[in-house]
């Protein structure tokens, strides 16, 4: 049983060492952290890059971090993936050409929503 376990870990170690990302190096790594803001950026030799900046934001009686940034990498299929985002009181809002897009709202539904919004329901 020990031999099987050792053989398994040896195969995994060799496979990992042969993966191109195993040899990736950090080309750039910058970070600044203050009490009310931060920013960082990094880039690796295998094409991964990211940057983000954020600051403390007061919303009413609550405070939190509002951030924006982007990252990119190459997918296993060779496609360049790029994503930008904002994260604030409205939640995480990503944008990228690889993200799915909701279908257009049918015209009849859009008219109905507009009508309902302009004719609020009254209580009897």
Protein backbone atom coordinates (compact mmCIF):
# COMPACT_ATOMS: atom_id res chain seq x y z
CA UNK A 1 0.00 0.00 0.00
CA UNK A 2 2.87 2.39 0.78
CA UNK A 3 4.33 1.76 -2.67
CA UNK A 4 1.04 2.71 -4.36
CA UNK A 5 0.81 5.95 -2.36
CA UNK A 6 4.45 6.86 -3.09
CA UNK A 7 4.03 6.05 -6.78
CA UNK A 8 0.88 8.20 -6.95
CA UNK A 9 2.58 11.22 -5.38
CA UNK A 10 5.62 10.77 -7.64
CA UNK A 11 3.43 10.79 -10.76
CA UNK A 12 1.57 13.91 -9.54
CA UNK A 13 4.84 15.69 -8.75
CA UNK A 14 6.31 14.93 -12.18
CA UNK A 15 3.11 15.98 -13.95
CA UNK A 16 2.99 19.25 -12.02
CA UNK A 17 6.66 20.01 -12.69
CA UNK A 18 5.99 19.60 -16.43
CA UNK A 19 3.03 22.01 -16.41
CA UNK A 20 4.07 25.34 -17.99
CA UNK A 21 2.65 27.35 -15.08
CA UNK A 22 4.92 25.53 -12.63
CA UNK A 23 7.87 27.51 -13.98
CA UNK A 24 6.10 30.89 -14.00
CA UNK A 25 7.97 33.77 -12.42
CA UNK A 26 6.72 37.01 -10.91
CA UNK A 27 7.72 39.87 -13.21
CA UNK A 28 6.10 42.67 -11.22
CA UNK A 29 4.56 42.86 -7.75
CA UNK A 30 3.59 46.23 -6.30
CA UNK A 31 1.38 47.01 -3.33
CA UNK A 32 0.55 50.09 -1.27
CA UNK A 33 -1.71 49.77 1.75
CA UNK A 34 -2.87 52.82 3.68
CA UNK A 35 -5.45 53.14 6.45
CA UNK A 36 -8.12 54.38 4.02
CA UNK A 37 -6.97 53.09 0.62
CA UNK A 38 -4.93 50.44 -1.16
CA UNK A 39 -3.68 49.46 -4.58
CA UNK A 40 -1.77 46.52 -5.95
CA UNK A 41 -0.58 45.17 -9.28
CA UNK A 42 1.21 42.04 -10.34
CA UNK A 43 2.26 40.28 -13.52
CA UNK A 44 3.72 36.84 -14.12
CA UNK A 45 5.76 35.35 -16.92
CA UNK A 46 2.88 33.07 -17.98
CA UNK A 47 0.63 36.00 -18.90
CA UNK A 48 -1.35 36.50 -15.70
CA UNK A 49 -1.81 40.15 -14.69
CA UNK A 50 -4.01 41.92 -12.18
CA UNK A 51 -4.42 45.32 -10.60
CA UNK A 52 -6.89 46.78 -8.12
CA UNK A 53 -7.37 49.97 -6.20
CA UNK A 54 -9.79 50.66 -3.40
CA UNK A 55 -10.70 53.24 -0.85
CA UNK A 56 -12.79 53.50 2.28
CA UNK A 57 -16.24 54.80 1.45
CA UNK A 58 -18.89 56.13 3.82
CA UNK A 59 -22.50 55.26 2.93
CA UNK A 60 -24.88 56.63 5.52
CA UNK A 61 -23.78 55.33 8.90
CA UNK A 62 -21.87 52.41 7.38
CA UNK A 63 -18.39 52.35 5.88
CA UNK A 64 -16.79 49.84 3.56
CA UNK A 65 -14.25 49.42 0.81
CA UNK A 66 -15.14 50.39 -2.75
CA UNK A 67 -12.75 48.84 -5.25
CA UNK A 68 -12.16 48.63 -8.96
CA UNK A 69 -9.69 46.63 -10.96
CA UNK A 70 -9.03 44.17 -13.71
CA UNK A 71 -7.23 40.94 -14.41
CA UNK A 72 -6.24 38.91 -17.44
CA UNK A 73 -4.91 35.46 -18.25
CA UNK A 74 -4.87 32.95 -21.09
CA UNK A 75 -7.47 30.18 -20.89
CA UNK A 76 -6.49 26.53 -21.43
CA UNK A 77 -8.02 26.91 -24.93
CA UNK A 78 -5.59 29.76 -25.70
CA UNK A 79 -8.16 32.57 -25.44
CA UNK A 80 -7.07 35.82 -23.76
CA UNK A 81 -9.50 36.44 -20.90
CA UNK A 82 -9.82 40.02 -19.63
CA UNK A 83 -12.20 41.07 -16.87
CA UNK A 84 -12.74 44.52 -15.35
CA UNK A 85 -14.86 45.10 -12.29
CA UNK A 86 -16.24 47.52 -9.77
CA UNK A 87 -17.13 46.36 -6.27
CA UNK A 88 -19.04 48.87 -4.17
CA UNK A 89 -22.39 49.43 -2.45
CA UNK A 90 -24.06 48.12 -5.62
CA UNK A 91 -22.24 44.78 -5.41
CA UNK A 92 -19.69 43.13 -7.68
CA UNK A 93 -20.09 44.37 -11.26
CA UNK A 94 -17.84 42.52 -13.72
CA UNK A 95 -17.46 43.25 -17.43
CA UNK A 96 -15.69 41.13 -20.01
CA UNK A 97 -16.30 39.88 -23.53
CA UNK A 98 -16.22 36.26 -22.31
CA UNK A 99 -19.13 36.75 -19.87
CA UNK A 100 -22.60 35.63 -20.92
CA UNK A 101 -25.06 38.34 -21.91
CA UNK A 102 -28.74 38.21 -21.04
CA UNK A 103 -31.08 38.17 -24.02
CA UNK A 104 -32.88 41.39 -24.94
CA UNK A 105 -36.19 42.03 -23.19
CA UNK A 106 -39.04 41.46 -25.67
CA UNK A 107 -40.72 44.70 -26.74
CA UNK A 108 -44.14 43.72 -25.33
CA UNK A 109 -42.61 43.00 -21.89
CA UNK A 110 -40.69 46.30 -21.94
CA UNK A 111 -43.92 48.19 -22.72
CA UNK A 112 -45.73 46.34 -19.90
CA UNK A 113 -43.02 47.20 -17.38
CA UNK A 114 -43.08 50.83 -18.49
CA UNK A 115 -46.88 50.93 -18.17
CA UNK A 116 -46.83 49.36 -14.70
CA UNK A 117 -44.14 51.79 -13.55
CA UNK A 118 -46.18 54.79 -14.74
CA UNK A 119 -49.48 53.49 -13.25
CA UNK A 120 -48.79 52.56 -9.63
CA UNK A 121 -51.31 50.27 -8.02
CA UNK A 122 -53.70 51.94 -5.57
CA UNK A 123 -54.91 50.27 -2.44
CA UNK A 124 -58.66 50.07 -1.83
